[in-house]
Amino acid sequence: MDNFITSIGYFLVFVIVFKGALLLYQTLRTRKYQKALLKADMPYIDKMDGRQFEIYLQILFRHLGYHPEVTKQSGDFGADLVMKRDEKIVVQAKRYGYKNRVSLSAVQEVYGAKAYYRANQAWVVTNSYFTKQAKELAAACDVKLIDREDLQALIRAINPTFEAKEIYENVTPEARKCPTCGKQLVVRQGKTDRFFGCSSFPACRHTEKINK
């Protein structure tokens, strides 16, 4: 009888340990999937130019229930997007190399845009991070800062099929002039990625990255 009770005890312990290990495995697998999902769009966002990033944010915020409009490319008074839901919000988009920090000038500009557009809120959204000074000024001016990790969370909040790749590959970057000869730069497809090349090629061989 004692052996039988002991066997039952071992069996129950085994079941508990097995279920615990299974739960741990499922949790780790879910976290791994979420981590991969969070990073899925970032490589393409990092390749974008400023205008592509604005279009990307417009689509992202539309999926999140806002009604965003991208402002004109010049004379935007510090706002790249103006959007509404319960309140009017002005947004400045900062597509940076993720190792570069967004300075307090972005906060100053969007704060001015808030007054110009008579908005209720002012946001700065970046694929990078903010300087200490930018954070301090934002706190003082009540400007919302959305950094790289916050942006990843917003992407995850909609669905995994929302891809920056579509924006990067199909939205034409903002027009640029060749710094060497002054001719128009055009988007060309290389072996591994897209880039800007001079329209006067082969007379001028200047090239540069889209995310300059």
Protein backbone atom coordinates (compact mmCIF):
# COMPACT_ATOMS: atom_id res chain seq x y z
CA MET A 1 0.00 0.00 0.00
CA ASP A 2 2.82 2.36 0.91
CA ASN A 3 4.52 1.62 -2.42
CA PHE A 4 1.30 2.36 -4.28
CA ILE A 5 0.89 5.71 -2.49
CA THR A 6 4.54 6.51 -3.18
CA SER A 7 4.06 5.70 -6.86
CA ILE A 8 1.00 7.94 -7.06
CA GLY A 9 3.01 10.69 -5.40
CA TYR A 10 5.84 10.38 -7.93
CA PHE A 11 3.31 10.37 -10.77
CA LEU A 12 1.66 13.58 -9.52
CA VAL A 13 5.02 15.25 -9.14
CA PHE A 14 5.91 14.20 -12.70
CA VAL A 15 2.63 15.62 -14.05
CA ILE A 16 3.17 18.93 -12.24
CA VAL A 17 6.78 19.22 -13.43
CA PHE A 18 5.80 18.28 -16.99
CA LYS A 19 2.99 20.82 -17.11
CA GLY A 20 5.28 23.47 -15.66
CA ALA A 21 7.97 22.73 -18.24
CA LEU A 22 5.38 22.82 -21.05
CA LEU A 23 4.03 26.15 -19.85
CA LEU A 24 7.55 27.56 -19.61
CA TYR A 25 8.34 26.35 -23.14
CA GLN A 26 5.16 27.90 -24.54
CA THR A 27 5.86 31.17 -22.75
CA LEU A 28 9.42 31.36 -24.05
CA ARG A 29 8.30 30.47 -27.57
CA THR A 30 5.62 33.19 -27.45
CA ARG A 31 8.14 35.74 -26.22
CA LYS A 32 10.57 34.71 -28.96
CA TYR A 33 7.82 35.13 -31.57
CA GLN A 34 6.81 38.51 -30.19
CA LYS A 35 10.43 39.66 -30.13
CA ALA A 36 10.84 38.61 -33.76
CA LEU A 37 7.57 40.33 -34.66
CA LEU A 38 8.62 43.53 -32.96
CA LYS A 39 11.82 43.64 -34.97
CA ALA A 40 10.25 42.54 -38.26
CA ASP A 41 9.52 46.02 -39.62
CA MET A 42 12.47 47.89 -38.13
CA PRO A 43 15.12 46.99 -40.75
CA TYR A 44 12.92 48.46 -43.48
CA ILE A 45 12.01 51.50 -41.39
CA ASP A 46 15.72 52.11 -40.83
CA LYS A 47 16.22 52.12 -44.62
CA MET A 48 13.48 54.69 -45.29
CA ASP A 49 13.94 58.36 -45.96
CA GLY A 50 11.93 60.94 -44.05
CA ARG A 51 9.01 61.06 -46.48
CA GLN A 52 8.59 57.29 -46.58
CA PHE A 53 8.60 57.24 -42.78
CA GLU A 54 5.80 59.83 -42.72
CA ILE A 55 3.67 57.71 -45.07
CA TYR A 56 4.41 54.66 -42.94
CA LEU A 57 3.24 56.45 -39.80
CA GLN A 58 0.13 57.66 -41.57
CA ILE A 59 -0.85 54.07 -42.34
CA LEU A 60 0.17 52.84 -38.90
CA PHE A 61 -1.93 55.42 -37.07
CA ARG A 62 -4.87 54.83 -39.39
CA HIS A 63 -4.76 51.16 -38.36
CA LEU A 64 -4.73 52.31 -34.74
CA GLY A 65 -7.98 54.24 -35.19
CA TYR A 66 -6.73 57.76 -35.89
CA HIS A 67 -7.49 59.92 -38.92
CA PRO A 68 -4.03 61.13 -39.99
CA GLU A 69 -3.07 63.42 -42.84
CA VAL A 70 0.48 64.02 -44.03
CA THR A 71 1.29 67.72 -44.32
CA LYS A 72 2.90 69.28 -47.37
CA GLN A 73 6.62 68.75 -47.73
CA SER A 74 7.57 72.40 -47.29
CA GLY A 75 6.12 74.93 -44.87
CA ASP A 76 4.66 72.32 -42.53
CA PHE A 77 5.31 74.54 -39.47
CA GLY A 78 6.90 71.66 -37.56
CA ALA A 79 4.23 68.99 -38.09
CA ASP A 80 4.63 66.09 -40.52
CA LEU A 81 1.22 64.65 -39.70
CA VAL A 82 -1.97 66.12 -38.29
CA MET A 83 -4.42 63.55 -37.00
CA LYS A 84 -7.68 63.36 -35.14
CA ARG A 85 -9.53 60.87 -33.01
CA ASP A 86 -10.92 62.31 -29.80
CA GLU A 87 -8.51 65.25 -30.06
CA LYS A 88 -6.32 66.89 -32.68
CA ILE A 89 -2.70 65.75 -32.55
CA VAL A 90 0.33 67.09 -34.41
CA VAL A 91 3.15 64.65 -35.06
CA GLN A 92 6.73 65.23 -36.08
CA ALA A 93 8.35 62.16 -37.64
CA LYS A 94 12.10 61.66 -37.17
CA ARG A 95 13.58 58.81 -39.17
CA TYR A 96 17.16 58.60 -37.91
CA GLY A 97 19.95 56.11 -37.84
CA TYR A 98 18.93 54.30 -34.67
CA LYS A 99 22.31 55.06 -33.05
CA ASN A 100 21.65 58.80 -33.47
CA ARG A 101 19.54 60.61 -30.90
CA VAL A 102 16.73 63.07 -31.63
CA SER A 103 17.59 66.46 -30.14
CA LEU A 104 15.44 69.03 -28.36
CA SER A 105 14.93 71.01 -31.60
CA ALA A 106 12.32 68.43 -32.64
CA VAL A 107 10.44 69.09 -29.41
CA GLN A 108 10.63 72.85 -29.96
CA GLU A 109 9.31 72.54 -33.52
CA VAL A 110 6.37 70.28 -32.72
CA TYR A 111 5.48 72.45 -29.72
CA GLY A 112 5.24 75.41 -32.10
CA ALA A 113 3.17 73.29 -34.51
CA LYS A 114 0.75 72.51 -31.72
CA ALA A 115 -0.03 76.22 -31.41
CA TYR A 116 -0.15 76.82 -35.16
CA TYR A 117 -2.56 73.96 -35.87
CA ARG A 118 -4.51 74.60 -32.63
CA ALA A 119 -3.96 71.01 -31.61
CA ASN A 120 -4.56 69.41 -28.25
CA GLN A 121 -1.46 67.24 -28.24
CA ALA A 122 2.03 67.22 -29.77
CA TRP A 123 4.02 64.05 -30.44
CA VAL A 124 7.48 63.26 -31.78
CA VAL A 125 7.84 59.76 -33.24
CA THR A 126 11.21 58.25 -34.11
CA ASN A 127 12.78 54.93 -35.02
CA SER A 128 15.65 55.97 -32.74
CA TYR A 129 15.87 57.47 -29.24
CA PHE A 130 15.89 60.93 -27.66
CA THR A 131 18.61 62.95 -25.98
CA LYS A 132 18.36 63.73 -22.29
CA GLN A 133 17.71 67.40 -23.11
CA ALA A 134 14.88 66.47 -25.48
CA LYS A 135 13.25 64.36 -22.78
CA GLU A 136 13.53 67.14 -20.21
CA LEU A 137 12.04 69.75 -22.56
CA ALA A 138 9.26 67.38 -23.64
CA ALA A 139 8.29 66.82 -20.01
CA ALA A 140 8.19 70.56 -19.41
CA CYS A 141 6.16 71.27 -22.57
CA ASP A 142 3.87 68.25 -22.31
CA VAL A 143 5.10 66.79 -25.61
CA LYS A 144 4.73 63.03 -26.01
CA LEU A 145 7.86 61.20 -27.15
CA ILE A 146 7.57 57.86 -28.96
CA ASP A 147 10.95 56.18 -29.35
CA ARG A 148 12.08 52.99 -31.08
CA GLU A 149 10.70 50.63 -28.46
CA ASP A 150 7.39 52.51 -28.24
CA LEU A 151 7.09 52.37 -32.02
CA GLN A 152 7.67 48.63 -31.98
CA ALA A 153 4.88 48.29 -29.41
CA LEU A 154 2.50 50.25 -31.65
CA ILE A 155 3.34 47.99 -34.58
CA ARG A 156 2.65 44.91 -32.48
CA ALA A 157 -0.67 46.42 -31.35
CA ILE A 158 -2.20 46.06 -34.81
CA ASN A 159 -1.29 42.83 -36.61
CA PRO A 160 1.77 40.95 -37.85
CA THR A 161 0.86 41.45 -41.53
CA PHE A 162 1.50 45.19 -41.36
CA GLU A 163 4.85 45.50 -43.09
CA ALA A 164 7.18 48.43 -43.59
CA LYS A 165 8.63 46.57 -46.56
CA GLU A 166 5.62 47.58 -48.68
CA ILE A 167 6.19 51.26 -47.91
CA TYR A 168 9.93 51.09 -48.44
CA GLU A 169 9.64 49.35 -51.80
CA ASN A 170 6.61 51.19 -53.23
CA VAL A 171 6.67 54.76 -51.91
CA THR A 172 9.00 57.08 -53.82
CA PRO A 173 11.50 58.86 -51.53
CA GLU A 174 11.59 62.64 -51.38
CA ALA A 175 13.29 64.19 -54.43
CA ARG A 176 16.96 65.15 -54.12
CA LYS A 177 19.58 66.90 -56.22
CA CYS A 178 22.96 65.40 -56.96
CA PRO A 179 25.55 67.17 -54.78
CA THR A 180 28.19 66.58 -57.45
CA CYS A 181 26.55 67.88 -60.64
CA GLY A 182 23.20 69.31 -59.55
CA LYS A 183 21.08 66.93 -61.63
CA GLN A 184 18.11 65.03 -60.22
CA LEU A 185 18.82 61.86 -58.26
CA VAL A 186 16.73 58.82 -59.16
CA VAL A 187 16.02 55.60 -57.28
CA ARG A 188 17.88 52.61 -58.69
CA GLN A 189 17.85 48.94 -57.75
CA GLY A 190 21.16 47.40 -56.79
CA LYS A 191 22.04 43.76 -56.26
CA THR A 192 20.94 43.83 -52.64
CA ASP A 193 19.04 47.08 -52.07
CA ARG A 194 17.70 50.31 -53.56
CA PHE A 195 19.78 53.49 -53.68
CA PHE A 196 19.89 56.98 -55.18
CA GLY A 197 21.94 57.41 -58.35
CA CYS A 198 22.51 60.46 -60.51
CA SER A 199 20.17 60.79 -63.52
CA SER A 200 23.14 61.89 -65.64
CA PHE A 201 24.88 58.52 -65.24
CA PRO A 202 27.39 57.56 -66.66
CA ALA A 203 28.61 61.16 -66.94
CA CYS A 204 28.15 61.44 -63.16
CA ARG A 205 28.52 58.37 -60.96
CA HIS A 206 27.39 59.81 -57.64
CA THR A 207 25.33 57.44 -55.46
CA GLU A 208 23.96 57.63 -51.93
CA LYS A 209 21.73 55.69 -49.57
CA ILE A 210 18.01 56.43 -49.45
CA ASN A 211 18.18 56.80 -45.66
CA LYS A 212 20.78 59.57 -45.86
